[in-house]
Amino acid sequence: MVLRADFAAIQPAAAALRAALGAATALCRAPDGAPSLARLLAAPAHLDLPEGMVRDALIPRTGNPIFMTGASLLPDKADIAWTIARMVEAGHLDPAGEDPSLAIITP
């Protein structure tokens, strides 16, 4: 399910998450350059995330990451668009005209 979101409203928390990820973000990208929250979660020694901010990450059968956080945030707006684009290409998601840059993926 893809929900509309006011990205400006979550910018302060998104900025805090990006700052917490710091240099670890580059270390936790998939080999093809895809953002991978699953890899971030698997490398807690490299992160100092606010407790409860990152809730979960699911990998669909395509191998592309679906990001889910307690505050419905992602490290970067581009990560949302990339993930949705890959899922649309694989036929797992029909964005129904929604703007991917403003989408949040939820269960």
C-alpha atoms as a PDB file:
ATOM      1  CA  MET A   1       0.000   0.000   0.000  1.00  0.00           C
ATOM      2  CA  VAL A   2       1.388   3.403  -0.929  1.00  0.00           C
ATOM      3  CA  LEU A   3       0.216   6.406   1.065  1.00  0.00           C
ATOM      4  CA  ARG A   4       0.468  10.110   0.261  1.00  0.00           C
ATOM      5  CA  ALA A   5       2.560  12.087   2.694  1.00  0.00           C
ATOM      6  CA  ASP A   6       3.506  15.696   3.309  1.00  0.00           C
ATOM      7  CA  PHE A   7       7.263  15.348   2.975  1.00  0.00           C
ATOM      8  CA  ALA A   8       7.914  18.849   4.336  1.00  0.00           C
ATOM      9  CA  ALA A   9       6.191  17.911   7.579  1.00  0.00           C
ATOM     10  CA  ILE A  10       8.619  15.057   8.229  1.00  0.00           C
ATOM     11  CA  GLN A  11      11.778  16.865   7.087  1.00  0.00           C
ATOM     12  CA  PRO A  12      13.119  17.613  10.608  1.00  0.00           C
ATOM     13  CA  ALA A  13      12.953  13.963  11.653  1.00  0.00           C
ATOM     14  CA  ALA A  14      14.285  12.845   8.256  1.00  0.00           C
ATOM     15  CA  ALA A  15      17.246  15.185   8.682  1.00  0.00           C
ATOM     16  CA  ALA A  16      17.903  13.730  12.137  1.00  0.00           C
ATOM     17  CA  LEU A  17      17.839  10.214  10.694  1.00  0.00           C
ATOM     18  CA  ARG A  18      20.252  11.178   7.903  1.00  0.00           C
ATOM     19  CA  ALA A  19      22.599  12.703  10.468  1.00  0.00           C
ATOM     20  CA  ALA A  20      22.433   9.579  12.627  1.00  0.00           C
ATOM     21  CA  LEU A  21      23.228   7.350   9.660  1.00  0.00           C
ATOM     22  CA  GLY A  22      26.256   9.459   8.740  1.00  0.00           C
ATOM     23  CA  ALA A  23      29.030   7.668   6.859  1.00  0.00           C
ATOM     24  CA  ALA A  24      27.437   4.279   7.581  1.00  0.00           C
ATOM     25  CA  THR A  25      24.932   4.877   4.780  1.00  0.00           C
ATOM     26  CA  ALA A  26      27.553   4.270   2.087  1.00  0.00           C
ATOM     27  CA  LEU A  27      28.684   1.090   3.829  1.00  0.00           C
ATOM     28  CA  CYS A  28      25.155  -0.260   3.905  1.00  0.00           C
ATOM     29  CA  ARG A  29      24.196   0.034   0.253  1.00  0.00           C
ATOM     30  CA  ALA A  30      23.565  -3.116  -1.717  1.00  0.00           C
ATOM     31  CA  PRO A  31      26.244  -4.163  -4.259  1.00  0.00           C
ATOM     32  CA  ASP A  32      24.199  -2.627  -7.094  1.00  0.00           C
ATOM     33  CA  GLY A  33      24.052   0.710  -5.269  1.00  0.00           C
ATOM     34  CA  ALA A  34      20.499   0.225  -4.064  1.00  0.00           C
ATOM     35  CA  PRO A  35      19.674   1.607  -0.638  1.00  0.00           C
ATOM     36  CA  SER A  36      19.285  -1.292   1.763  1.00  0.00           C
ATOM     37  CA  LEU A  37      17.809  -0.638   5.186  1.00  0.00           C
ATOM     38  CA  ALA A  38      18.123  -4.359   5.876  1.00  0.00           C
ATOM     39  CA  ARG A  39      21.906  -3.940   5.618  1.00  0.00           C
ATOM     40  CA  LEU A  40      21.727  -0.883   7.872  1.00  0.00           C
ATOM     41  CA  LEU A  41      19.854  -2.886  10.478  1.00  0.00           C
ATOM     42  CA  ALA A  42      22.382  -5.695  10.158  1.00  0.00           C
ATOM     43  CA  ALA A  43      25.255  -3.356  11.021  1.00  0.00           C
ATOM     44  CA  PRO A  44      24.263  -1.770  14.340  1.00  0.00           C
ATOM     45  CA  ALA A  45      27.896  -1.275  15.394  1.00  0.00           C
ATOM     46  CA  HIS A  46      28.218   1.352  12.667  1.00  0.00           C
ATOM     47  CA  LEU A  47      25.065   3.263  13.590  1.00  0.00           C
ATOM     48  CA  ASP A  48      23.780   5.482  16.348  1.00  0.00           C
ATOM     49  CA  LEU A  49      20.089   5.610  15.527  1.00  0.00           C
ATOM     50  CA  PRO A  50      17.524   7.112  17.882  1.00  0.00           C
ATOM     51  CA  GLU A  51      15.759   4.250  19.643  1.00  0.00           C
ATOM     52  CA  GLY A  52      12.557   3.254  17.895  1.00  0.00           C
ATOM     53  CA  MET A  53      13.180   5.326  14.778  1.00  0.00           C
ATOM     54  CA  VAL A  54      13.954   2.358  12.547  1.00  0.00           C
ATOM     55  CA  ARG A  55      11.313  -0.320  12.948  1.00  0.00           C
ATOM     56  CA  ASP A  56      11.780  -2.837  10.191  1.00  0.00           C
ATOM     57  CA  ALA A  57      12.787  -3.549   6.607  1.00  0.00           C
ATOM     58  CA  LEU A  58      11.283  -6.140   4.296  1.00  0.00           C
ATOM     59  CA  ILE A  59      12.799  -7.520   1.107  1.00  0.00           C
ATOM     60  CA  PRO A  60      10.197  -8.598  -1.470  1.00  0.00           C
ATOM     61  CA  ARG A  61      10.869 -11.434  -3.883  1.00  0.00           C
ATOM     62  CA  THR A  62      12.553  -9.012  -6.300  1.00  0.00           C
ATOM     63  CA  GLY A  63      15.319  -8.426  -3.767  1.00  0.00           C
ATOM     64  CA  ASN A  64      14.577  -4.700  -3.732  1.00  0.00           C
ATOM     65  CA  PRO A  65      14.192  -3.130  -0.311  1.00  0.00           C
ATOM     66  CA  ILE A  66      10.913  -1.872   1.114  1.00  0.00           C
ATOM     67  CA  PHE A  67      11.702   0.621   3.826  1.00  0.00           C
ATOM     68  CA  MET A  68       9.620   0.894   6.964  1.00  0.00           C
ATOM     69  CA  THR A  69      10.445   3.025   9.972  1.00  0.00           C
ATOM     70  CA  GLY A  70       8.637   3.861  13.151  1.00  0.00           C
ATOM     71  CA  ALA A  71       8.244   7.455  12.007  1.00  0.00           C
ATOM     72  CA  SER A  72       7.566   6.557   8.354  1.00  0.00           C
ATOM     73  CA  LEU A  73      10.863   8.093   7.295  1.00  0.00           C
ATOM     74  CA  LEU A  74      13.633   7.230   4.899  1.00  0.00           C
ATOM     75  CA  PRO A  75      17.254   8.447   4.773  1.00  0.00           C
ATOM     76  CA  ASP A  76      16.634  10.137   1.433  1.00  0.00           C
ATOM     77  CA  LYS A  77      13.656  10.980  -0.743  1.00  0.00           C
ATOM     78  CA  ALA A  78      15.522   9.436  -3.692  1.00  0.00           C
ATOM     79  CA  ASP A  79      15.550   6.091  -1.869  1.00  0.00           C
ATOM     80  CA  ILE A  80      11.756   6.107  -1.853  1.00  0.00           C
ATOM     81  CA  ALA A  81      11.528   6.863  -5.545  1.00  0.00           C
ATOM     82  CA  TRP A  82      14.162   4.235  -6.406  1.00  0.00           C
ATOM     83  CA  THR A  83      12.400   1.539  -4.404  1.00  0.00           C
ATOM     84  CA  ILE A  84       8.985   2.292  -5.836  1.00  0.00           C
ATOM     85  CA  ALA A  85      10.342   2.430  -9.384  1.00  0.00           C
ATOM     86  CA  ARG A  86      11.918  -1.024  -9.024  1.00  0.00           C
ATOM     87  CA  MET A  87       8.710  -2.466  -7.548  1.00  0.00           C
ATOM     88  CA  VAL A  88       6.605  -0.971 -10.347  1.00  0.00           C
ATOM     89  CA  GLU A  89       9.002  -2.424 -12.930  1.00  0.00           C
ATOM     90  CA  ALA A  90       8.710  -5.831 -11.266  1.00  0.00           C
ATOM     91  CA  GLY A  91       4.913  -5.610 -11.233  1.00  0.00           C
ATOM     92  CA  HIS A  92       4.605  -5.608  -7.435  1.00  0.00           C
ATOM     93  CA  LEU A  93       3.137  -2.135  -7.167  1.00  0.00           C
ATOM     94  CA  ASP A  94       0.824   0.053  -9.194  1.00  0.00           C
ATOM     95  CA  PRO A  95       1.426   3.643  -8.102  1.00  0.00           C
ATOM     96  CA  ALA A  96      -1.932   4.689  -9.618  1.00  0.00           C
ATOM     97  CA  GLY A  97      -0.573   8.074 -10.559  1.00  0.00           C
ATOM     98  CA  GLU A  98       0.858   8.857  -7.137  1.00  0.00           C
ATOM     99  CA  ASP A  99       4.044  10.917  -6.992  1.00  0.00           C
ATOM    100  CA  PRO A 100       6.732   8.402  -5.891  1.00  0.00           C
ATOM    101  CA  SER A 101       8.797  11.140  -4.273  1.00  0.00           C
ATOM    102  CA  LEU A 102       5.952  11.692  -1.791  1.00  0.00           C
ATOM    103  CA  ALA A 103       5.171   8.041  -1.144  1.00  0.00           C
ATOM    104  CA  ILE A 104       5.608   5.989   1.973  1.00  0.00           C
ATOM    105  CA  ILE A 105       5.515   2.200   1.681  1.00  0.00           C
ATOM    106  CA  THR A 106       3.589   0.441   4.423  1.00  0.00           C
ATOM    107  CA  PRO A 107       2.469  -3.163   4.978  1.00  0.00           C
END
